[in-house]
């Protein structure tokens, strides 16, 4: 299904016909696979440009590590890390900009500095006021499922539904329209075993019933390492395999560290899907 994702600053992104890749830009010292690599402004901007050159349509800027056990940072420190990068990327205008935050104040400032999308790993449930900032700015929002800090249902899809329905209620009460929402099943976020993540992949198409575009973030995750036996920095090929599988099961957007290999893999998946659609058209 082709849909238009409405974003801040009068921008939009057409989804459905072709895969969309979001490049991960962690401006942190402690992210699980790239901590400290891009925590200087010049290095961060160079990496963003590199990812855009390789085919990323969106750059997702994060200032706090979400790996298990990571030390929390203050809102001021998060803002000190991400806002100068967002400001520079907005001036360059090379790509759409997403801010990876669950804090309402960080989201507000990031949108003022030029971000188009808010990517909340707590699904609007940590600081529900973040939905008000999304609504006020007319931004796009990624609502992610997480199992952290709560009891999960045993069935992976049932748990997705109960969590995301609560998040969608928060968004709608704040006046966020459906055309601004993308959902993320949150691979790796308190999905304790490789089997749980693989079960979520195997049943992924069931999430299409929620009626929203879907983004996935399997990049370099632990379950990919469990399957491949590779360390985090060597999981690009395994990640690309998950991207192709999930594209064939209905994912629209792909949040990745290694842009080029995923762009190429998804181009093949898109070509096959397009060919299949052509064959099925009535003659």
C-alpha atoms as a PDB file:
ATOM      1  CA  UNK A   1       0.000   0.000   0.000  1.00  0.00           C
ATOM      2  CA  UNK A   2       1.398   3.401  -1.000  1.00  0.00           C
ATOM      3  CA  UNK A   3       1.082   6.095   1.654  1.00  0.00           C
ATOM      4  CA  UNK A   4       2.394   9.625   2.193  1.00  0.00           C
ATOM      5  CA  UNK A   5       4.113  10.258   5.533  1.00  0.00           C
ATOM      6  CA  UNK A   6       3.581  13.889   6.537  1.00  0.00           C
ATOM      7  CA  UNK A   7       6.544  15.519   8.295  1.00  0.00           C
ATOM      8  CA  UNK A   8       7.525  18.817   9.910  1.00  0.00           C
ATOM      9  CA  UNK A   9       8.510  21.936   7.942  1.00  0.00           C
ATOM     10  CA  UNK A  10       6.115  21.089   5.121  1.00  0.00           C
ATOM     11  CA  UNK A  11       7.998  17.960   4.090  1.00  0.00           C
ATOM     12  CA  UNK A  12       6.670  14.488   3.295  1.00  0.00           C
ATOM     13  CA  UNK A  13       7.927  11.062   2.285  1.00  0.00           C
ATOM     14  CA  UNK A  14       6.132   8.650  -0.026  1.00  0.00           C
ATOM     15  CA  UNK A  15       6.173   5.088   1.286  1.00  0.00           C
ATOM     16  CA  UNK A  16       5.301   1.731  -0.189  1.00  0.00           C
ATOM     17  CA  UNK A  17       6.677   1.406  -3.704  1.00  0.00           C
ATOM     18  CA  UNK A  18      10.338   1.550  -2.678  1.00  0.00           C
ATOM     19  CA  UNK A  19      12.196   0.802   0.545  1.00  0.00           C
ATOM     20  CA  UNK A  20      13.355   3.803   2.554  1.00  0.00           C
ATOM     21  CA  UNK A  21      16.622   3.625   4.464  1.00  0.00           C
ATOM     22  CA  UNK A  22      17.293   5.632   7.615  1.00  0.00           C
ATOM     23  CA  UNK A  23      20.937   5.983   8.602  1.00  0.00           C
ATOM     24  CA  UNK A  24      21.800   5.760  12.298  1.00  0.00           C
ATOM     25  CA  UNK A  25      23.951   8.614  13.610  1.00  0.00           C
ATOM     26  CA  UNK A  26      24.797   8.076  17.281  1.00  0.00           C
ATOM     27  CA  UNK A  27      26.550  11.133  18.701  1.00  0.00           C
ATOM     28  CA  UNK A  28      27.286   9.268  21.911  1.00  0.00           C
ATOM     29  CA  UNK A  29      30.405   7.870  23.587  1.00  0.00           C
ATOM     30  CA  UNK A  30      28.803   4.556  24.534  1.00  0.00           C
ATOM     31  CA  UNK A  31      26.408   3.190  21.888  1.00  0.00           C
ATOM     32  CA  UNK A  32      26.780  -0.569  21.511  1.00  0.00           C
ATOM     33  CA  UNK A  33      28.575  -0.744  18.156  1.00  0.00           C
ATOM     34  CA  UNK A  34      29.649   2.785  17.203  1.00  0.00           C
ATOM     35  CA  UNK A  35      29.980   4.662  20.487  1.00  0.00           C
ATOM     36  CA  UNK A  36      32.559   7.438  20.316  1.00  0.00           C
ATOM     37  CA  UNK A  37      33.031   7.289  16.558  1.00  0.00           C
ATOM     38  CA  UNK A  38      30.893  10.318  15.686  1.00  0.00           C
ATOM     39  CA  UNK A  39      30.600  12.316  18.915  1.00  0.00           C
ATOM     40  CA  UNK A  40      32.434  15.336  17.457  1.00  0.00           C
ATOM     41  CA  UNK A  41      30.375  17.716  15.312  1.00  0.00           C
ATOM     42  CA  UNK A  42      32.593  17.552  12.237  1.00  0.00           C
ATOM     43  CA  UNK A  43      32.761  13.738  12.331  1.00  0.00           C
ATOM     44  CA  UNK A  44      29.002  13.479  12.791  1.00  0.00           C
ATOM     45  CA  UNK A  45      28.265  15.728   9.816  1.00  0.00           C
ATOM     46  CA  UNK A  46      30.757  13.830   7.642  1.00  0.00           C
ATOM     47  CA  UNK A  47      29.142  10.518   8.569  1.00  0.00           C
ATOM     48  CA  UNK A  48      25.682  11.885   7.798  1.00  0.00           C
ATOM     49  CA  UNK A  49      26.849  13.009   4.352  1.00  0.00           C
ATOM     50  CA  UNK A  50      28.441   9.610   3.759  1.00  0.00           C
ATOM     51  CA  UNK A  51      25.204   7.815   4.597  1.00  0.00           C
ATOM     52  CA  UNK A  52      23.191  10.129   2.341  1.00  0.00           C
ATOM     53  CA  UNK A  53      25.647   9.509  -0.508  1.00  0.00           C
ATOM     54  CA  UNK A  54      25.141   5.767   0.025  1.00  0.00           C
ATOM     55  CA  UNK A  55      21.374   6.107  -0.274  1.00  0.00           C
ATOM     56  CA  UNK A  56      19.904   7.069   3.106  1.00  0.00           C
ATOM     57  CA  UNK A  57      16.813   9.274   2.809  1.00  0.00           C
ATOM     58  CA  UNK A  58      16.725  10.019   6.545  1.00  0.00           C
ATOM     59  CA  UNK A  59      19.439  10.559   9.151  1.00  0.00           C
ATOM     60  CA  UNK A  60      18.428   9.606  12.699  1.00  0.00           C
ATOM     61  CA  UNK A  61      20.413  11.574  15.301  1.00  0.00           C
ATOM     62  CA  UNK A  62      20.594  10.154  18.823  1.00  0.00           C
ATOM     63  CA  UNK A  63      22.332  11.536  21.903  1.00  0.00           C
ATOM     64  CA  UNK A  64      21.703   8.815  24.472  1.00  0.00           C
ATOM     65  CA  UNK A  65      22.615   5.158  24.148  1.00  0.00           C
ATOM     66  CA  UNK A  66      19.668   2.759  24.362  1.00  0.00           C
ATOM     67  CA  UNK A  67      21.782  -0.379  24.806  1.00  0.00           C
ATOM     68  CA  UNK A  68      20.912  -2.440  27.912  1.00  0.00           C
ATOM     69  CA  UNK A  69      22.763  -1.136  30.954  1.00  0.00           C
ATOM     70  CA  UNK A  70      23.815   2.145  29.374  1.00  0.00           C
ATOM     71  CA  UNK A  71      24.220   5.063  31.764  1.00  0.00           C
ATOM     72  CA  UNK A  72      21.416   7.617  31.429  1.00  0.00           C
ATOM     73  CA  UNK A  73      22.276  11.189  30.466  1.00  0.00           C
ATOM     74  CA  UNK A  74      20.578  14.412  31.431  1.00  0.00           C
ATOM     75  CA  UNK A  75      18.278  16.222  29.034  1.00  0.00           C
ATOM     76  CA  UNK A  76      20.784  19.074  28.813  1.00  0.00           C
ATOM     77  CA  UNK A  77      23.603  16.698  27.866  1.00  0.00           C
ATOM     78  CA  UNK A  78      21.428  14.986  25.258  1.00  0.00           C
ATOM     79  CA  UNK A  79      20.570  18.371  23.776  1.00  0.00           C
ATOM     80  CA  UNK A  80      24.225  19.476  23.837  1.00  0.00           C
ATOM     81  CA  UNK A  81      25.055  16.449  21.718  1.00  0.00           C
ATOM     82  CA  UNK A  82      22.251  16.439  19.173  1.00  0.00           C
ATOM     83  CA  UNK A  83      21.192  20.038  18.558  1.00  0.00           C
ATOM     84  CA  UNK A  84      24.390  21.308  16.875  1.00  0.00           C
ATOM     85  CA  UNK A  85      24.379  18.269  14.580  1.00  0.00           C
ATOM     86  CA  UNK A  86      20.722  18.739  13.662  1.00  0.00           C
ATOM     87  CA  UNK A  87      21.323  22.428  13.018  1.00  0.00           C
ATOM     88  CA  UNK A  88      24.193  21.698  10.631  1.00  0.00           C
ATOM     89  CA  UNK A  89      22.302  18.927   8.822  1.00  0.00           C
ATOM     90  CA  UNK A  90      19.288  21.201   8.400  1.00  0.00           C
ATOM     91  CA  UNK A  91      21.495  23.898   6.851  1.00  0.00           C
ATOM     92  CA  UNK A  92      22.933  21.376   4.394  1.00  0.00           C
ATOM     93  CA  UNK A  93      19.496  20.070   3.421  1.00  0.00           C
ATOM     94  CA  UNK A  94      20.874  16.750   2.188  1.00  0.00           C
ATOM     95  CA  UNK A  95      18.338  14.511   3.926  1.00  0.00           C
ATOM     96  CA  UNK A  96      15.360  14.395   6.183  1.00  0.00           C
ATOM     97  CA  UNK A  97      16.325  14.536   9.853  1.00  0.00           C
ATOM     98  CA  UNK A  98      14.993  12.419  12.694  1.00  0.00           C
ATOM     99  CA  UNK A  99      15.768  12.921  16.383  1.00  0.00           C
ATOM    100  CA  UNK A 100      16.000   9.782  18.499  1.00  0.00           C
ATOM    101  CA  UNK A 101      14.614  10.891  21.862  1.00  0.00           C
ATOM    102  CA  UNK A 102      11.877  10.159  24.382  1.00  0.00           C
ATOM    103  CA  UNK A 103      12.131  13.608  26.017  1.00  0.00           C
ATOM    104  CA  UNK A 104       9.512  16.212  25.144  1.00  0.00           C
ATOM    105  CA  UNK A 105      11.856  19.172  25.591  1.00  0.00           C
ATOM    106  CA  UNK A 106      14.571  17.637  23.420  1.00  0.00           C
ATOM    107  CA  UNK A 107      11.973  16.894  20.750  1.00  0.00           C
ATOM    108  CA  UNK A 108      10.681  20.479  20.866  1.00  0.00           C
ATOM    109  CA  UNK A 109      14.141  21.960  20.452  1.00  0.00           C
ATOM    110  CA  UNK A 110      15.199  19.471  17.782  1.00  0.00           C
ATOM    111  CA  UNK A 111      12.132  20.310  15.711  1.00  0.00           C
ATOM    112  CA  UNK A 112      12.892  24.013  16.094  1.00  0.00           C
ATOM    113  CA  UNK A 113      16.461  23.369  14.942  1.00  0.00           C
ATOM    114  CA  UNK A 114      15.204  21.665  11.782  1.00  0.00           C
ATOM    115  CA  UNK A 115      14.323  18.027  12.528  1.00  0.00           C
ATOM    116  CA  UNK A 116      11.361  16.577  10.629  1.00  0.00           C
ATOM    117  CA  UNK A 117      10.690  13.409  12.635  1.00  0.00           C
ATOM    118  CA  UNK A 118      10.643  12.348  16.289  1.00  0.00           C
ATOM    119  CA  UNK A 119      11.731   8.752  16.922  1.00  0.00           C
ATOM    120  CA  UNK A 120      10.620   7.688  20.426  1.00  0.00           C
ATOM    121  CA  UNK A 121      11.928   4.330  21.664  1.00  0.00           C
ATOM    122  CA  UNK A 122       9.438   4.446  24.532  1.00  0.00           C
ATOM    123  CA  UNK A 123       6.439   4.790  22.242  1.00  0.00           C
ATOM    124  CA  UNK A 124       5.305   8.156  23.707  1.00  0.00           C
ATOM    125  CA  UNK A 125       4.772   6.454  27.075  1.00  0.00           C
ATOM    126  CA  UNK A 126       7.853   7.707  28.984  1.00  0.00           C
ATOM    127  CA  UNK A 127       6.988  11.400  28.518  1.00  0.00           C
ATOM    128  CA  UNK A 128       3.523  11.565  26.915  1.00  0.00           C
ATOM    129  CA  UNK A 129       3.940  15.333  26.455  1.00  0.00           C
ATOM    130  CA  UNK A 130       6.235  14.501  23.554  1.00  0.00           C
ATOM    131  CA  UNK A 131       3.098  13.813  21.523  1.00  0.00           C
ATOM    132  CA  UNK A 132       2.019  17.429  22.087  1.00  0.00           C
ATOM    133  CA  UNK A 133       5.323  18.618  20.608  1.00  0.00           C
ATOM    134  CA  UNK A 134       4.861  16.357  17.576  1.00  0.00           C
ATOM    135  CA  UNK A 135       1.344  17.677  17.078  1.00  0.00           C
ATOM    136  CA  UNK A 136       2.339  21.310  17.544  1.00  0.00           C
ATOM    137  CA  UNK A 137       5.146  21.059  14.974  1.00  0.00           C
ATOM    138  CA  UNK A 138       3.217  18.886  12.527  1.00  0.00           C
ATOM    139  CA  UNK A 139       6.106  16.422  12.698  1.00  0.00           C
ATOM    140  CA  UNK A 140       6.332  12.815  11.702  1.00  0.00           C
ATOM    141  CA  UNK A 141       6.646  10.390  14.579  1.00  0.00           C
ATOM    142  CA  UNK A 142       7.999   6.879  14.976  1.00  0.00           C
ATOM    143  CA  UNK A 143       6.258   5.034  17.801  1.00  0.00           C
ATOM    144  CA  UNK A 144       8.361   2.103  18.965  1.00  0.00           C
ATOM    145  CA  UNK A 145       7.299  -0.935  20.955  1.00  0.00           C
ATOM    146  CA  UNK A 146       9.437  -1.835  23.930  1.00  0.00           C
ATOM    147  CA  UNK A 147       9.256  -4.536  26.560  1.00  0.00           C
ATOM    148  CA  UNK A 148      11.520  -2.678  28.969  1.00  0.00           C
ATOM    149  CA  UNK A 149      10.167  -1.805  32.393  1.00  0.00           C
ATOM    150  CA  UNK A 150       6.933  -3.794  32.179  1.00  0.00           C
ATOM    151  CA  UNK A 151       5.462  -7.287  32.104  1.00  0.00           C
ATOM    152  CA  UNK A 152       5.054  -8.583  28.569  1.00  0.00           C
ATOM    153  CA  UNK A 153       2.443 -10.917  27.164  1.00  0.00           C
ATOM    154  CA  UNK A 154       3.815 -14.275  26.075  1.00  0.00           C
ATOM    155  CA  UNK A 155       2.514 -13.924  22.518  1.00  0.00           C
ATOM    156  CA  UNK A 156       4.830 -11.544  20.632  1.00  0.00           C
ATOM    157  CA  UNK A 157       2.142 -10.064  18.387  1.00  0.00           C
ATOM    158  CA  UNK A 158      -0.446  -9.701  21.156  1.00  0.00           C
ATOM    159  CA  UNK A 159       2.119  -7.764  23.181  1.00  0.00           C
ATOM    160  CA  UNK A 160       2.827  -5.509  20.207  1.00  0.00           C
ATOM    161  CA  UNK A 161      -0.847  -4.738  19.854  1.00  0.00           C
ATOM    162  CA  UNK A 162      -1.549  -3.941  23.506  1.00  0.00           C
ATOM    163  CA  UNK A 163       1.477  -1.656  23.822  1.00  0.00           C
ATOM    164  CA  UNK A 164       1.089   0.144  20.507  1.00  0.00           C
ATOM    165  CA  UNK A 165      -2.648   0.691  20.967  1.00  0.00           C
ATOM    166  CA  UNK A 166      -1.881   2.567  24.200  1.00  0.00           C
ATOM    167  CA  UNK A 167       0.725   4.657  22.354  1.00  0.00           C
ATOM    168  CA  UNK A 168      -1.696   5.415  19.533  1.00  0.00           C
ATOM    169  CA  UNK A 169      -4.260   6.593  22.070  1.00  0.00           C
ATOM    170  CA  UNK A 170      -1.701   9.049  23.473  1.00  0.00           C
ATOM    171  CA  UNK A 171      -0.903  10.306  19.975  1.00  0.00           C
ATOM    172  CA  UNK A 172      -4.520  10.798  19.000  1.00  0.00           C
ATOM    173  CA  UNK A 173      -5.413  12.591  22.237  1.00  0.00           C
ATOM    174  CA  UNK A 174      -2.595  15.028  21.460  1.00  0.00           C
ATOM    175  CA  UNK A 175      -3.987  15.623  17.978  1.00  0.00           C
ATOM    176  CA  UNK A 176      -1.351  13.701  16.027  1.00  0.00           C
ATOM    177  CA  UNK A 177      -3.007  12.590  12.807  1.00  0.00           C
ATOM    178  CA  UNK A 178      -2.587   9.042  11.510  1.00  0.00           C
ATOM    179  CA  UNK A 179      -0.780  10.305   8.403  1.00  0.00           C
ATOM    180  CA  UNK A 180       2.129  11.391  10.625  1.00  0.00           C
ATOM    181  CA  UNK A 181       2.603   8.018  12.375  1.00  0.00           C
ATOM    182  CA  UNK A 182       4.960   5.141  11.640  1.00  0.00           C
ATOM    183  CA  UNK A 183       5.197   2.112  13.945  1.00  0.00           C
ATOM    184  CA  UNK A 184       8.324   0.217  15.001  1.00  0.00           C
ATOM    185  CA  UNK A 185       8.115  -3.276  16.593  1.00  0.00           C
ATOM    186  CA  UNK A 186      11.347  -2.615  18.493  1.00  0.00           C
ATOM    187  CA  UNK A 187      13.554  -5.564  17.624  1.00  0.00           C
ATOM    188  CA  UNK A 188      16.003  -6.169  20.463  1.00  0.00           C
ATOM    189  CA  UNK A 189      14.230  -3.981  23.026  1.00  0.00           C
ATOM    190  CA  UNK A 190      13.636  -6.518  25.795  1.00  0.00           C
ATOM    191  CA  UNK A 191      13.119  -9.313  23.316  1.00  0.00           C
ATOM    192  CA  UNK A 192      15.376 -11.457  25.483  1.00  0.00           C
ATOM    193  CA  UNK A 193      16.260 -14.280  23.119  1.00  0.00           C
ATOM    194  CA  UNK A 194      17.125 -14.731  19.478  1.00  0.00           C
ATOM    195  CA  UNK A 195      14.052 -16.950  19.208  1.00  0.00           C
ATOM    196  CA  UNK A 196      11.739 -14.150  20.328  1.00  0.00           C
ATOM    197  CA  UNK A 197      13.156 -11.791  17.704  1.00  0.00           C
ATOM    198  CA  UNK A 198      12.959 -14.501  15.042  1.00  0.00           C
ATOM    199  CA  UNK A 199       9.343 -15.226  16.023  1.00  0.00           C
ATOM    200  CA  UNK A 200       8.586 -11.526  15.577  1.00  0.00           C
ATOM    201  CA  UNK A 201      10.212 -11.628  12.141  1.00  0.00           C
ATOM    202  CA  UNK A 202       8.326 -14.778  11.152  1.00  0.00           C
ATOM    203  CA  UNK A 203       4.965 -13.209  12.088  1.00  0.00           C
ATOM    204  CA  UNK A 204       5.786  -9.670  11.019  1.00  0.00           C
ATOM    205  CA  UNK A 205       3.089  -9.447   8.360  1.00  0.00           C
ATOM    206  CA  UNK A 206       0.455  -9.698  11.124  1.00  0.00           C
ATOM    207  CA  UNK A 207       1.398  -6.147  12.172  1.00  0.00           C
ATOM    208  CA  UNK A 208       0.016  -4.786   8.892  1.00  0.00           C
ATOM    209  CA  UNK A 209      -3.433  -5.098  10.483  1.00  0.00           C
ATOM    210  CA  UNK A 210      -2.556  -2.070  12.647  1.00  0.00           C
ATOM    211  CA  UNK A 211      -2.910   0.023   9.508  1.00  0.00           C
ATOM    212  CA  UNK A 212       0.307   2.059   9.677  1.00  0.00           C
ATOM    213  CA  UNK A 213       3.621   2.063   7.815  1.00  0.00           C
ATOM    214  CA  UNK A 214       6.260  -0.013   9.587  1.00  0.00           C
ATOM    215  CA  UNK A 215       9.924   0.707  10.268  1.00  0.00           C
ATOM    216  CA  UNK A 216      12.382  -1.915  11.515  1.00  0.00           C
ATOM    217  CA  UNK A 217      15.661  -1.593  13.380  1.00  0.00           C
ATOM    218  CA  UNK A 218      17.464  -4.922  13.358  1.00  0.00           C
ATOM    219  CA  UNK A 219      20.836  -3.372  12.588  1.00  0.00           C
ATOM    220  CA  UNK A 220      23.746  -5.165  14.297  1.00  0.00           C
ATOM    221  CA  UNK A 221      21.383  -6.429  17.011  1.00  0.00           C
ATOM    222  CA  UNK A 222      22.434  -9.214  19.348  1.00  0.00           C
ATOM    223  CA  UNK A 223      20.072 -11.761  17.804  1.00  0.00           C
ATOM    224  CA  UNK A 224      21.773 -11.224  14.430  1.00  0.00           C
ATOM    225  CA  UNK A 225      25.058 -12.002  16.155  1.00  0.00           C
ATOM    226  CA  UNK A 226      23.601 -15.106  17.772  1.00  0.00           C
ATOM    227  CA  UNK A 227      22.505 -16.422  14.388  1.00  0.00           C
ATOM    228  CA  UNK A 228      25.679 -15.483  12.482  1.00  0.00           C
ATOM    229  CA  UNK A 229      28.299 -15.805  15.204  1.00  0.00           C
ATOM    230  CA  UNK A 230      29.580 -12.317  14.337  1.00  0.00           C
ATOM    231  CA  UNK A 231      30.560  -9.428  16.589  1.00  0.00           C
ATOM    232  CA  UNK A 232      28.495  -6.225  16.349  1.00  0.00           C
ATOM    233  CA  UNK A 233      30.751  -4.462  13.845  1.00  0.00           C
ATOM    234  CA  UNK A 234      30.626  -7.481  11.494  1.00  0.00           C
ATOM    235  CA  UNK A 235      26.850  -7.925  11.298  1.00  0.00           C
ATOM    236  CA  UNK A 236      26.161  -5.858   8.162  1.00  0.00           C
ATOM    237  CA  UNK A 237      25.436  -8.867   5.955  1.00  0.00           C
ATOM    238  CA  UNK A 238      23.239 -10.501   8.582  1.00  0.00           C
ATOM    239  CA  UNK A 239      21.379  -7.226   9.013  1.00  0.00           C
ATOM    240  CA  UNK A 240      20.837  -6.946   5.254  1.00  0.00           C
ATOM    241  CA  UNK A 241      19.339 -10.428   5.252  1.00  0.00           C
ATOM    242  CA  UNK A 242      16.824  -9.399   7.924  1.00  0.00           C
ATOM    243  CA  UNK A 243      16.023  -6.249   5.936  1.00  0.00           C
ATOM    244  CA  UNK A 244      15.153  -8.274   2.845  1.00  0.00           C
ATOM    245  CA  UNK A 245      13.025 -10.739   4.809  1.00  0.00           C
ATOM    246  CA  UNK A 246      11.127  -7.948   6.532  1.00  0.00           C
ATOM    247  CA  UNK A 247      10.660  -6.030   3.289  1.00  0.00           C
ATOM    248  CA  UNK A 248       9.010  -9.072   1.767  1.00  0.00           C
ATOM    249  CA  UNK A 249       6.796  -9.234   4.860  1.00  0.00           C
ATOM    250  CA  UNK A 250       5.671  -5.614   4.583  1.00  0.00           C
ATOM    251  CA  UNK A 251       8.226  -3.288   6.204  1.00  0.00           C
ATOM    252  CA  UNK A 252       8.528   0.163   4.627  1.00  0.00           C
ATOM    253  CA  UNK A 253      11.540   1.753   6.334  1.00  0.00           C
ATOM    254  CA  UNK A 254      14.844   0.364   7.597  1.00  0.00           C
ATOM    255  CA  UNK A 255      16.975   1.960  10.316  1.00  0.00           C
ATOM    256  CA  UNK A 256      20.568   0.794   9.796  1.00  0.00           C
ATOM    257  CA  UNK A 257      24.215   1.548  10.576  1.00  0.00           C
ATOM    258  CA  UNK A 258      25.560   0.133   7.289  1.00  0.00           C
ATOM    259  CA  UNK A 259      23.647   1.986   4.609  1.00  0.00           C
ATOM    260  CA  UNK A 260      25.198   0.816   1.321  1.00  0.00           C
ATOM    261  CA  UNK A 261      24.769  -2.942   1.777  1.00  0.00           C
ATOM    262  CA  UNK A 262      21.170  -2.524   2.923  1.00  0.00           C
ATOM    263  CA  UNK A 263      20.316  -0.178   0.047  1.00  0.00           C
ATOM    264  CA  UNK A 264      21.613  -2.740  -2.437  1.00  0.00           C
ATOM    265  CA  UNK A 265      19.882  -5.684  -0.781  1.00  0.00           C
ATOM    266  CA  UNK A 266      16.593  -3.816  -0.582  1.00  0.00           C
ATOM    267  CA  UNK A 267      16.855  -2.730  -4.245  1.00  0.00           C
ATOM    268  CA  UNK A 268      16.767  -6.402  -5.198  1.00  0.00           C
ATOM    269  CA  UNK A 269      13.800  -7.047  -2.896  1.00  0.00           C
ATOM    270  CA  UNK A 270      11.960  -4.043  -4.351  1.00  0.00           C
ATOM    271  CA  UNK A 271      12.637  -5.193  -7.920  1.00  0.00           C
ATOM    272  CA  UNK A 272      11.246  -8.630  -7.155  1.00  0.00           C
ATOM    273  CA  UNK A 273       8.146  -7.184  -5.502  1.00  0.00           C
ATOM    274  CA  UNK A 274       7.575  -4.855  -8.466  1.00  0.00           C
ATOM    275  CA  UNK A 275       7.967  -7.732 -10.904  1.00  0.00           C
ATOM    276  CA  UNK A 276       5.584  -9.866  -8.892  1.00  0.00           C
ATOM    277  CA  UNK A 277       2.991  -7.070  -8.892  1.00  0.00           C
ATOM    278  CA  UNK A 278       3.344  -6.720 -12.674  1.00  0.00           C
ATOM    279  CA  UNK A 279       2.768 -10.435 -13.174  1.00  0.00           C
ATOM    280  CA  UNK A 280      -0.377 -10.302 -11.064  1.00  0.00           C
ATOM    281  CA  UNK A 281      -1.938  -7.380 -12.904  1.00  0.00           C
ATOM    282  CA  UNK A 282      -4.944  -8.344 -15.066  1.00  0.00           C
ATOM    283  CA  UNK A 283      -4.286  -8.446 -18.795  1.00  0.00           C
END
